[in-house]
């Protein structure tokens, strides 16, 4: 049991909190970690997966009534409102309990968006500043990858060799090469060989809840840290207020447990790693870090243009749950500045049975349809950059409260003209590629509206008037309060955020443990 007060008090047990805690424990320091959710029993993972697949039972405790409530007044995108409880997990491990395991470095230009393209904002740090931490994060998470010939520079090789291409991707590679690009293999935090005590991937194809443990999950990391005796984890403990004194020192984090107890915690250094929405909400509830009215602003999200078509060649669906190849030909091209970054993703699953049912096929007719159409449909997607917008934000709802009586978060996700141009260009590129493959019956796929990559709300900046934290992720005006996670991103590019979250958290861990 960690004695109070600990060296670090960490709110949140996702990948950000886990990486900060890892650094502290490795340096011989103590950590008290507060997690609002529960611990999920890995031993029941197969049972949970079967129940979800057969009965439709929710795999995770997505939302407890009265606790994870939120409201939304976002503009609908492709017919969908912006929701939280179908993506975030309150539990030990956070969103890594159900993520796809795709890990990509941001490109150099993603850190210099304003300077290079006249869009968004520049980060107060550059790619060279974070590159050693990318390398460290890849080692900790266990990344299987193949060097991208057009990607950012690397100082170290990947810890494991990458996965090969999915069936049918050789033809995509030919098409993309004909357009002047390359089809690059996607890096995964998923073992291609035994690594860090976890087995290699055996392609169960249910990557949202890996039953073998081959995909990295922060709960593994936290369990290992607990065994050292230097990390004390408190589950079902909800942080509600952060109290600073006049000198900017945190004197208490007020929390309530689900069984009705109120407690106050502190630490030599305090790190909030509670998800982009909940981190902003906690600061707003505390009236901390918001002297320039920047807390909650610039909520960003990756979203998609996606399309499907019937192709002349029969290709079986991918054997893993997420795509293995990507194309960045249009990521950093001359159009960027008029629109945002675009990354193409291939070998995505396609629901042939669902399509048959939607078209009215039943019984023997459905079976014949499935046999005829299986492997004949290709789905590809364009992951799109969302520009930071001060009106895209998280605020406190004036009417709705959670089970503790605190105002619920209210999301307002907004799109601008550049975002709409990015989306239109993404669909143009997808149509070009599908037509080059001989595709017919081209259709847009509406259910790829968003990636659930919540970013921004407490952006990093040199100037306190333009952000919430400094280049070291310390809250402006605070002495011992820092933020970890994607809330600090000034821009989001068009690449999965988890590796950047982990790298920044490892960098923050070194900073706070040295003070």
Protein backbone atom coordinates (compact mmCIF):
# COMPACT_ATOMS: atom_id res chain seq x y z
CA UNK A 1 0.00 0.00 0.00
CA UNK A 2 1.38 3.40 -1.03
CA UNK A 3 1.69 5.80 1.87
CA UNK A 4 -0.02 9.19 1.60
CA UNK A 5 0.86 11.56 0.11
CA UNK A 6 2.38 9.79 -2.92
CA UNK A 7 4.93 11.30 -5.25
CA UNK A 8 2.33 11.31 -8.03
CA UNK A 9 -1.44 11.42 -7.93
CA UNK A 10 -2.80 10.29 -11.32
CA UNK A 11 -6.47 10.64 -12.28
CA UNK A 12 -7.30 8.11 -14.99
CA UNK A 13 -5.94 4.66 -15.84
CA UNK A 14 -5.89 4.74 -19.62
CA UNK A 15 -2.71 4.66 -21.67
CA UNK A 16 -1.79 8.25 -20.68
CA UNK A 17 -2.06 7.62 -16.96
CA UNK A 18 -0.32 4.26 -17.30
CA UNK A 19 2.70 5.75 -19.12
CA UNK A 20 3.18 8.53 -16.56
CA UNK A 21 2.91 5.97 -13.75
CA UNK A 22 5.39 3.66 -15.47
CA UNK A 23 8.07 6.34 -15.51
CA UNK A 24 7.49 7.22 -11.87
CA UNK A 25 7.65 3.60 -10.68
CA UNK A 26 10.78 2.94 -12.73
CA UNK A 27 12.38 5.90 -10.95
CA UNK A 28 11.48 4.52 -7.55
CA UNK A 29 8.62 6.93 -6.90
CA UNK A 30 5.14 6.14 -5.59
CA UNK A 31 1.85 6.59 -7.44
CA UNK A 32 -1.75 6.78 -6.29
CA UNK A 33 -4.10 6.29 -9.25
CA UNK A 34 -7.82 7.11 -9.22
CA UNK A 35 -10.07 5.36 -11.75
CA UNK A 36 -13.77 6.18 -12.09
CA UNK A 37 -14.61 2.75 -13.49
CA UNK A 38 -14.15 -0.85 -12.50
CA UNK A 39 -11.56 -3.50 -13.21
CA UNK A 40 -12.61 -5.98 -15.88
CA UNK A 41 -11.72 -9.61 -15.38
CA UNK A 42 -9.51 -10.71 -18.25
CA UNK A 43 -10.33 -14.31 -17.43
CA UNK A 44 -13.95 -13.65 -18.47
CA UNK A 45 -12.95 -12.03 -21.78
CA UNK A 46 -13.92 -15.01 -23.95
CA UNK A 47 -17.26 -15.33 -22.18
CA UNK A 48 -17.92 -11.61 -22.71
CA UNK A 49 -17.00 -11.81 -26.39
CA UNK A 50 -19.25 -14.82 -26.99
CA UNK A 51 -22.15 -13.07 -25.27
CA UNK A 52 -21.67 -9.99 -27.42
CA UNK A 53 -21.40 -11.94 -30.66
CA UNK A 54 -24.35 -14.25 -30.03
CA UNK A 55 -26.70 -12.28 -27.78
CA UNK A 56 -25.73 -8.70 -28.50
CA UNK A 57 -24.84 -8.12 -24.84
CA UNK A 58 -22.66 -5.00 -24.41
CA UNK A 59 -19.05 -6.05 -24.06
CA UNK A 60 -18.19 -3.23 -21.69
CA UNK A 61 -19.99 -1.25 -19.04
CA UNK A 62 -20.40 1.66 -21.42
CA UNK A 63 -22.51 3.89 -19.24
CA UNK A 64 -23.97 3.63 -15.79
CA UNK A 65 -27.23 5.52 -15.58
CA UNK A 66 -26.82 8.89 -13.94
CA UNK A 67 -23.04 8.72 -14.00
CA UNK A 68 -21.78 8.89 -17.55
CA UNK A 69 -24.58 11.09 -18.82
CA UNK A 70 -23.88 13.83 -21.29
CA UNK A 71 -25.72 16.08 -23.71
CA UNK A 72 -24.89 17.12 -27.23
CA UNK A 73 -25.89 19.92 -29.59
CA UNK A 74 -23.46 19.03 -32.38
CA UNK A 75 -24.46 19.26 -36.00
CA UNK A 76 -25.31 15.82 -37.38
CA UNK A 77 -22.63 14.32 -39.64
CA UNK A 78 -23.79 11.69 -42.13
CA UNK A 79 -26.94 11.38 -40.06
CA UNK A 80 -25.19 10.84 -36.70
CA UNK A 81 -24.97 12.97 -33.61
CA UNK A 82 -21.75 13.18 -31.64
CA UNK A 83 -21.98 10.58 -28.88
CA UNK A 84 -19.60 9.46 -26.14
CA UNK A 85 -20.99 6.38 -24.46
CA UNK A 86 -20.70 4.18 -27.54
CA UNK A 87 -16.94 4.64 -27.56
CA UNK A 88 -15.39 5.49 -24.20
CA UNK A 89 -14.89 2.87 -21.52
CA UNK A 90 -14.79 3.71 -17.84
CA UNK A 91 -12.56 1.00 -16.49
CA UNK A 92 -8.96 0.10 -15.71
CA UNK A 93 -7.21 0.48 -19.05
CA UNK A 94 -9.56 3.13 -20.41
CA UNK A 95 -10.10 3.13 -24.15
CA UNK A 96 -7.29 0.62 -24.75
CA UNK A 97 -9.73 -2.01 -23.50
CA UNK A 98 -11.49 -1.85 -26.85
CA UNK A 99 -9.19 -0.06 -29.31
CA UNK A 100 -8.00 -1.41 -32.64
CA UNK A 101 -4.32 -1.27 -31.78
CA UNK A 102 -3.26 0.96 -34.70
CA UNK A 103 -0.28 3.09 -33.70
CA UNK A 104 1.13 5.75 -36.01
CA UNK A 105 3.46 8.66 -35.55
CA UNK A 106 2.24 12.09 -36.49
CA UNK A 107 4.21 13.57 -39.39
CA UNK A 108 6.52 16.55 -39.09
CA UNK A 109 3.97 18.85 -40.68
CA UNK A 110 1.30 17.91 -38.15
CA UNK A 111 3.25 19.83 -35.51
CA UNK A 112 3.63 22.89 -37.78
CA UNK A 113 0.19 23.21 -39.33
CA UNK A 114 -0.06 27.00 -39.04
CA UNK A 115 3.48 27.68 -40.28
CA UNK A 116 3.36 25.23 -43.18
CA UNK A 117 -0.23 25.30 -44.34
CA UNK A 118 -1.83 28.37 -42.77
CA UNK A 119 -4.33 26.18 -40.88
CA UNK A 120 -4.94 25.27 -37.26
CA UNK A 121 -2.08 25.97 -34.86
CA UNK A 122 1.57 25.14 -34.35
CA UNK A 123 2.52 22.91 -31.46
CA UNK A 124 5.04 24.41 -29.01
CA UNK A 125 7.13 21.28 -29.64
CA UNK A 126 8.23 19.75 -32.93
CA UNK A 127 8.66 16.25 -34.29
CA UNK A 128 12.34 16.15 -33.27
CA UNK A 129 11.34 16.89 -29.67
CA UNK A 130 8.92 13.96 -29.50
CA UNK A 131 10.75 11.45 -31.73
CA UNK A 132 12.78 9.81 -28.89
CA UNK A 133 9.51 9.41 -26.97
CA UNK A 134 7.83 7.84 -29.98
CA UNK A 135 10.65 5.29 -29.99
CA UNK A 136 10.23 4.67 -26.27
CA UNK A 137 6.44 4.35 -26.60
CA UNK A 138 6.81 1.77 -29.36
CA UNK A 139 9.01 -0.32 -27.06
CA UNK A 140 6.59 -0.08 -24.13
CA UNK A 141 3.44 -0.79 -26.12
CA UNK A 142 5.10 -3.47 -28.25
CA UNK A 143 4.68 -2.30 -31.83
CA UNK A 144 4.91 -4.52 -34.89
CA UNK A 145 5.70 -2.47 -37.94
CA UNK A 146 7.48 -2.04 -41.25
CA UNK A 147 9.33 1.24 -41.95
CA UNK A 148 7.31 3.63 -44.11
CA UNK A 149 9.53 4.88 -46.97
CA UNK A 150 7.68 8.20 -47.15
CA UNK A 151 6.98 8.59 -43.43
CA UNK A 152 8.78 10.63 -40.78
CA UNK A 153 12.34 9.81 -39.77
CA UNK A 154 13.04 7.13 -37.16
CA UNK A 155 15.93 6.69 -34.72
CA UNK A 156 15.18 3.04 -33.87
CA UNK A 157 13.68 -0.01 -35.58
CA UNK A 158 10.28 -1.36 -34.64
CA UNK A 159 10.36 -3.81 -31.71
CA UNK A 160 8.71 -6.52 -33.85
CA UNK A 161 8.38 -7.19 -37.57
CA UNK A 162 5.17 -5.94 -39.11
CA UNK A 163 2.21 -7.93 -40.36
CA UNK A 164 1.85 -8.80 -44.02
CA UNK A 165 -0.76 -7.54 -46.39
CA UNK A 166 -4.33 -8.73 -46.27
CA UNK A 167 -5.77 -10.63 -49.23
CA UNK A 168 -6.42 -8.42 -52.22
CA UNK A 169 -4.09 -5.62 -51.17
CA UNK A 170 -1.50 -6.42 -53.83
CA UNK A 171 -3.99 -5.12 -56.37
CA UNK A 172 -4.49 -1.95 -54.31
CA UNK A 173 -0.74 -1.51 -54.23
CA UNK A 174 -0.59 -1.65 -58.03
CA UNK A 175 -3.32 0.96 -58.33
CA UNK A 176 -1.75 3.34 -55.80
CA UNK A 177 1.70 2.93 -57.35
CA UNK A 178 0.21 3.87 -60.70
CA UNK A 179 -0.93 7.14 -59.12
CA UNK A 180 2.57 7.87 -57.81
CA UNK A 181 2.23 6.61 -54.24
CA UNK A 182 2.95 3.60 -52.09
CA UNK A 183 0.75 1.26 -50.10
CA UNK A 184 2.31 1.20 -46.66
CA UNK A 185 1.86 -1.42 -43.97
CA UNK A 186 0.13 -0.14 -40.85
CA UNK A 187 1.93 -0.43 -37.51
CA UNK A 188 0.03 -2.24 -34.74
CA UNK A 189 0.41 -2.50 -30.97
CA UNK A 190 -0.36 -6.14 -31.56
CA UNK A 191 2.26 -8.83 -31.21
CA UNK A 192 3.56 -10.42 -34.39
CA UNK A 193 5.68 -12.59 -32.08
CA UNK A 194 5.70 -13.23 -28.34
CA UNK A 195 6.53 -9.95 -26.59
CA UNK A 196 6.54 -8.67 -23.02
CA UNK A 197 4.97 -11.85 -21.68
CA UNK A 198 2.08 -11.72 -24.16
CA UNK A 199 1.38 -14.20 -26.96
CA UNK A 200 1.52 -13.43 -30.68
CA UNK A 201 -1.69 -12.53 -32.48
CA UNK A 202 -3.65 -15.57 -33.71
CA UNK A 203 -6.20 -13.54 -35.70
CA UNK A 204 -9.36 -14.00 -33.67
CA UNK A 205 -10.64 -10.96 -35.61
CA UNK A 206 -12.32 -9.46 -32.51
CA UNK A 207 -9.68 -6.80 -31.90
CA UNK A 208 -12.06 -4.61 -29.95
CA UNK A 209 -11.52 -7.02 -27.05
CA UNK A 210 -8.48 -9.14 -27.80
CA UNK A 211 -9.12 -12.52 -26.14
CA UNK A 212 -5.48 -13.63 -26.22
CA UNK A 213 -3.78 -10.53 -24.84
CA UNK A 214 -1.68 -10.08 -27.99
CA UNK A 215 -2.86 -6.47 -28.37
CA UNK A 216 -1.55 -3.96 -25.83
CA UNK A 217 -3.98 -2.79 -23.17
CA UNK A 218 -3.11 -0.37 -20.39
CA UNK A 219 -4.62 -2.63 -17.75
CA UNK A 220 -1.75 -5.08 -18.32
CA UNK A 221 0.72 -2.28 -17.61
CA UNK A 222 -1.09 -1.14 -14.49
CA UNK A 223 -1.31 -4.67 -13.09
CA UNK A 224 2.43 -5.05 -13.53
CA UNK A 225 3.05 -1.74 -11.76
CA UNK A 226 0.84 -2.79 -8.86
CA UNK A 227 3.08 -5.80 -8.29
CA UNK A 228 6.01 -3.47 -7.54
CA UNK A 229 4.22 -2.10 -4.47
CA UNK A 230 4.74 1.45 -5.72
CA UNK A 231 1.32 1.93 -7.36
CA UNK A 232 -1.94 1.98 -5.44
CA UNK A 233 -5.04 1.82 -7.65
CA UNK A 234 -8.43 3.04 -6.40
CA UNK A 235 -11.27 1.95 -8.68
CA UNK A 236 -14.82 3.34 -8.80
CA UNK A 237 -13.47 6.60 -7.43
CA UNK A 238 -14.64 9.67 -9.35
CA UNK A 239 -12.59 12.88 -9.21
CA UNK A 240 -14.98 15.82 -8.90
CA UNK A 241 -12.91 18.90 -8.03
CA UNK A 242 -9.29 20.04 -8.08
CA UNK A 243 -8.43 22.62 -5.44
CA UNK A 244 -5.49 25.01 -5.88
CA UNK A 245 -4.17 27.46 -3.32
CA UNK A 246 -3.15 31.04 -4.12
CA UNK A 247 0.36 29.88 -5.06
CA UNK A 248 -1.03 27.54 -7.75
CA UNK A 249 -0.33 24.36 -5.78
CA UNK A 250 -2.88 21.55 -5.74
CA UNK A 251 -3.93 21.05 -2.14
CA UNK A 252 -6.59 18.45 -2.82
CA UNK A 253 -8.41 16.41 -5.43
CA UNK A 254 -11.94 15.86 -4.13
CA UNK A 255 -13.44 12.53 -5.15
CA UNK A 256 -16.47 10.38 -4.43
CA UNK A 257 -16.74 6.62 -4.55
CA UNK A 258 -19.66 4.77 -6.07
CA UNK A 259 -20.58 3.41 -2.63
CA UNK A 260 -21.08 6.94 -1.30
CA UNK A 261 -17.81 7.96 0.40
CA UNK A 262 -16.16 11.35 -0.11
CA UNK A 263 -12.37 11.57 0.04
CA UNK A 264 -9.66 14.13 -0.59
CA UNK A 265 -6.38 13.09 -2.20
CA UNK A 266 -3.16 14.88 -2.98
CA UNK A 267 0.32 14.22 -4.23
CA UNK A 268 3.61 15.99 -4.80
CA UNK A 269 2.65 16.17 -8.47
CA UNK A 270 -0.92 15.77 -9.79
CA UNK A 271 -1.66 14.52 -13.31
CA UNK A 272 -5.14 14.55 -14.86
CA UNK A 273 -5.41 11.85 -17.54
CA UNK A 274 -9.18 11.46 -17.69
CA UNK A 275 -10.04 11.60 -21.42
CA UNK A 276 -10.34 14.77 -23.51
CA UNK A 277 -13.95 15.35 -22.50
CA UNK A 278 -13.73 14.47 -18.81
CA UNK A 279 -10.41 16.26 -18.29
CA UNK A 280 -11.95 19.48 -19.59
CA UNK A 281 -15.07 18.91 -17.51
CA UNK A 282 -13.02 18.41 -14.32
CA UNK A 283 -11.13 21.66 -14.89
CA UNK A 284 -14.38 23.51 -15.61
CA UNK A 285 -15.99 22.11 -12.45
CA UNK A 286 -12.91 23.24 -10.52
CA UNK A 287 -12.55 26.66 -12.20
CA UNK A 288 -8.90 25.78 -12.79
CA UNK A 289 -6.74 26.63 -15.80
CA UNK A 290 -9.47 28.64 -17.51
CA UNK A 291 -8.24 32.18 -17.04
CA UNK A 292 -8.27 32.70 -20.83
CA UNK A 293 -11.50 30.80 -21.49
CA UNK A 294 -9.64 28.06 -23.34
CA UNK A 295 -10.69 24.99 -21.34
CA UNK A 296 -13.05 22.84 -23.39
CA UNK A 297 -12.41 24.62 -26.69
CA UNK A 298 -11.03 23.10 -29.90
CA UNK A 299 -12.65 19.68 -29.48
CA UNK A 300 -11.37 17.64 -32.43
CA UNK A 301 -12.24 14.28 -33.85
CA UNK A 302 -11.02 12.17 -36.74
CA UNK A 303 -13.84 11.44 -39.12
CA UNK A 304 -14.19 9.52 -42.31
CA UNK A 305 -15.20 9.52 -45.88
CA UNK A 306 -15.86 5.90 -46.83
CA UNK A 307 -17.11 4.08 -49.89
CA UNK A 308 -17.83 0.59 -51.05
CA UNK A 309 -18.15 -0.99 -54.48
CA UNK A 310 -18.59 -4.40 -56.09
CA UNK A 311 -15.31 -5.56 -57.60
CA UNK A 312 -14.71 -8.09 -60.38
CA UNK A 313 -12.16 -10.17 -58.46
CA UNK A 314 -13.22 -12.26 -55.48
CA UNK A 315 -11.25 -11.35 -52.34
CA UNK A 316 -11.91 -12.86 -48.89
CA UNK A 317 -12.42 -10.41 -46.03
CA UNK A 318 -9.42 -9.56 -43.85
CA UNK A 319 -8.57 -12.04 -41.11
CA UNK A 320 -7.85 -9.33 -38.53
CA UNK A 321 -10.30 -6.88 -37.16
CA UNK A 322 -8.62 -3.80 -38.60
CA UNK A 323 -6.92 -2.83 -41.82
CA UNK A 324 -3.29 -3.67 -42.51
CA UNK A 325 -2.40 -1.14 -45.23
CA UNK A 326 -2.66 2.60 -45.71
CA UNK A 327 -1.72 5.25 -48.24
CA UNK A 328 -0.39 8.73 -47.42
CA UNK A 329 -0.02 10.00 -51.00
CA UNK A 330 -2.52 12.78 -50.30
CA UNK A 331 -1.51 13.38 -46.68
CA UNK A 332 1.03 16.16 -47.20
CA UNK A 333 0.46 17.15 -50.82
CA UNK A 334 0.06 20.59 -52.41
CA UNK A 335 -3.66 20.66 -51.60
CA UNK A 336 -3.07 20.71 -47.87
CA UNK A 337 -3.81 24.24 -46.80
CA UNK A 338 -6.97 24.35 -48.85
CA UNK A 339 -8.11 21.20 -47.06
CA UNK A 340 -6.77 19.01 -44.25
CA UNK A 341 -4.67 15.86 -44.21
CA UNK A 342 -6.11 12.65 -45.69
CA UNK A 343 -4.96 9.08 -45.02
CA UNK A 344 -6.49 6.14 -46.90
CA UNK A 345 -7.18 2.80 -45.22
CA UNK A 346 -7.72 -0.52 -46.99
CA UNK A 347 -8.86 -4.09 -46.34
CA UNK A 348 -11.78 -3.07 -44.16
CA UNK A 349 -14.48 -5.59 -43.23
CA UNK A 350 -17.66 -5.63 -45.31
CA UNK A 351 -20.94 -7.05 -44.02
CA UNK A 352 -22.27 -9.06 -46.98
CA UNK A 353 -25.00 -10.72 -44.93
CA UNK A 354 -26.17 -7.37 -43.61
CA UNK A 355 -26.32 -6.03 -47.15
CA UNK A 356 -28.34 -9.05 -48.27
CA UNK A 357 -30.85 -8.63 -45.45
CA UNK A 358 -31.17 -4.92 -46.20
CA UNK A 359 -32.00 -5.79 -49.80
CA UNK A 360 -34.75 -8.18 -48.68
CA UNK A 361 -33.03 -11.55 -49.19
CA UNK A 362 -34.19 -14.28 -46.77
CA UNK A 363 -33.76 -18.04 -46.26
CA UNK A 364 -32.36 -19.93 -49.24
CA UNK A 365 -32.32 -16.70 -51.24
CA UNK A 366 -30.08 -15.09 -48.60
CA UNK A 367 -27.75 -18.11 -48.59
CA UNK A 368 -27.45 -17.95 -52.37
CA UNK A 369 -26.84 -14.21 -52.20
CA UNK A 370 -24.09 -14.70 -49.63
CA UNK A 371 -22.39 -17.39 -51.71
CA UNK A 372 -22.56 -15.22 -54.83
CA UNK A 373 -21.47 -11.95 -53.24
CA UNK A 374 -18.95 -13.12 -50.62
CA UNK A 375 -15.61 -11.45 -51.31
CA UNK A 376 -17.02 -9.36 -54.15
CA UNK A 377 -17.25 -6.10 -52.22
CA UNK A 378 -14.45 -3.76 -51.25
CA UNK A 379 -14.68 -1.05 -48.61
CA UNK A 380 -12.03 1.64 -48.29
CA UNK A 381 -11.97 4.75 -46.15
CA UNK A 382 -10.28 8.11 -45.91
CA UNK A 383 -9.38 9.21 -42.39
CA UNK A 384 -9.74 12.99 -42.30
CA UNK A 385 -8.15 15.78 -40.31
CA UNK A 386 -10.58 17.91 -38.31
CA UNK A 387 -9.48 21.53 -37.97
CA UNK A 388 -9.36 23.03 -34.46
CA UNK A 389 -12.34 25.34 -33.95
CA UNK A 390 -12.92 27.35 -30.75
CA UNK A 391 -16.68 26.80 -31.12
CA UNK A 392 -16.21 23.03 -31.23
CA UNK A 393 -16.06 22.49 -27.52
CA UNK A 394 -17.01 20.91 -24.22
CA UNK A 395 -19.02 22.92 -21.71
CA UNK A 396 -21.04 22.18 -18.57
CA UNK A 397 -24.70 21.47 -19.15
CA UNK A 398 -26.84 24.01 -17.26
CA UNK A 399 -29.61 21.49 -16.48
CA UNK A 400 -28.47 17.86 -16.61
CA UNK A 401 -26.44 16.49 -13.67
CA UNK A 402 -24.75 13.18 -12.94
CA UNK A 403 -25.36 10.89 -9.97
CA UNK A 404 -23.31 13.19 -7.73
CA UNK A 405 -25.22 16.31 -8.69
CA UNK A 406 -22.42 17.74 -10.84
CA UNK A 407 -23.21 19.30 -14.24
CA UNK A 408 -22.86 16.80 -17.07
CA UNK A 409 -20.54 17.53 -20.01
CA UNK A 410 -22.09 19.03 -23.11
CA UNK A 411 -20.36 18.48 -26.45
CA UNK A 412 -20.66 20.80 -29.43
CA UNK A 413 -18.74 19.31 -32.36
CA UNK A 414 -18.49 21.78 -35.23
CA UNK A 415 -17.27 21.48 -38.81
CA UNK A 416 -15.93 24.32 -40.92
CA UNK A 417 -15.48 24.97 -44.63
CA UNK A 418 -12.03 23.37 -44.68
CA UNK A 419 -13.43 20.23 -43.04
CA UNK A 420 -16.15 19.94 -45.69
CA UNK A 421 -13.59 20.36 -48.47
CA UNK A 422 -11.50 17.63 -46.86
CA UNK A 423 -14.50 15.30 -46.75
CA UNK A 424 -15.44 15.97 -50.37
CA UNK A 425 -11.87 15.38 -51.54
CA UNK A 426 -11.72 12.14 -49.58
CA UNK A 427 -14.78 10.80 -51.39
CA UNK A 428 -13.30 11.84 -54.74
CA UNK A 429 -10.14 9.84 -54.02
CA UNK A 430 -12.09 6.77 -52.91
CA UNK A 431 -14.20 6.84 -56.07
CA UNK A 432 -11.06 7.13 -58.21
CA UNK A 433 -9.48 4.09 -56.55
CA UNK A 434 -12.59 1.93 -56.63
CA UNK A 435 -13.23 2.73 -60.28
CA UNK A 436 -9.59 1.90 -61.07
CA UNK A 437 -10.25 -1.55 -59.61
CA UNK A 438 -13.27 -2.02 -61.83
CA UNK A 439 -15.73 -1.30 -59.05
CA UNK A 440 -19.42 -0.89 -59.74
CA UNK A 441 -22.42 -0.03 -57.57
CA UNK A 442 -20.33 2.63 -55.83
CA UNK A 443 -21.90 3.71 -52.54
CA UNK A 444 -20.97 5.97 -49.69
CA UNK A 445 -20.84 4.24 -46.32
CA UNK A 446 -22.55 6.40 -43.70
CA UNK A 447 -21.49 4.50 -40.59
CA UNK A 448 -17.91 5.66 -40.86
CA UNK A 449 -18.87 9.10 -39.57
CA UNK A 450 -16.26 9.38 -36.84
CA UNK A 451 -13.36 7.51 -35.30
CA UNK A 452 -14.04 8.28 -31.61
CA UNK A 453 -10.62 9.88 -31.32
CA UNK A 454 -11.46 12.70 -28.91
CA UNK A 455 -8.71 15.35 -29.00
CA UNK A 456 -8.13 18.93 -27.97
CA UNK A 457 -10.11 20.80 -25.26
CA UNK A 458 -7.00 21.71 -23.21
CA UNK A 459 -4.50 22.56 -25.92
CA UNK A 460 -0.77 22.99 -25.48
CA UNK A 461 0.63 26.50 -26.10
CA UNK A 462 3.49 28.77 -25.16
CA UNK A 463 1.05 31.64 -24.58
CA UNK A 464 -1.46 31.16 -21.69
CA UNK A 465 -3.93 33.27 -23.67
CA UNK A 466 -4.06 30.61 -26.40
CA UNK A 467 -4.08 27.36 -24.46
CA UNK A 468 -4.30 25.52 -21.16
CA UNK A 469 -0.93 23.80 -20.71
CA UNK A 470 2.65 24.70 -21.59
CA UNK A 471 5.11 22.73 -23.72
CA UNK A 472 5.66 20.33 -20.79
CA UNK A 473 1.90 19.78 -20.38
CA UNK A 474 1.82 21.67 -17.08
CA UNK A 475 -1.31 23.79 -16.56
CA UNK A 476 -0.52 27.47 -17.02
CA UNK A 477 -0.39 29.19 -13.64
CA UNK A 478 -0.18 25.94 -11.65
CA UNK A 479 2.89 24.63 -9.88
CA UNK A 480 2.18 20.91 -9.67
CA UNK A 481 -0.78 20.20 -11.97
CA UNK A 482 -0.27 18.64 -15.40
CA UNK A 483 -2.48 17.05 -18.04
CA UNK A 484 -1.82 13.83 -19.94
CA UNK A 485 -3.68 12.55 -22.96
CA UNK A 486 -5.07 13.82 -26.23
CA UNK A 487 -6.74 16.81 -24.55
CA UNK A 488 -3.45 18.72 -24.97
CA UNK A 489 -3.25 18.25 -28.79
CA UNK A 490 -3.30 21.60 -30.65
CA UNK A 491 -4.05 19.73 -33.91
CA UNK A 492 -4.93 16.14 -34.68
CA UNK A 493 -3.61 15.38 -38.17
CA UNK A 494 -5.15 12.29 -39.78
CA UNK A 495 -3.34 9.52 -37.93
CA UNK A 496 -4.46 7.48 -34.93
CA UNK A 497 -3.62 9.40 -31.72
CA UNK A 498 -2.67 6.64 -29.25
CA UNK A 499 1.06 6.53 -29.94
CA UNK A 500 1.30 10.31 -29.61
CA UNK A 501 -0.68 10.12 -26.34
CA UNK A 502 1.76 7.51 -25.02
CA UNK A 503 4.85 9.42 -26.18
CA UNK A 504 3.70 12.70 -24.61
CA UNK A 505 2.81 10.88 -21.36
CA UNK A 506 6.25 9.27 -21.15
CA UNK A 507 7.80 12.68 -21.77
CA UNK A 508 5.57 14.19 -19.08
CA UNK A 509 6.52 11.39 -16.69
CA UNK A 510 10.17 12.32 -16.96
CA UNK A 511 9.34 15.99 -16.44
CA UNK A 512 7.20 15.60 -13.31
CA UNK A 513 9.44 13.01 -11.67
CA UNK A 514 12.43 15.31 -12.07
CA UNK A 515 10.84 18.23 -10.26
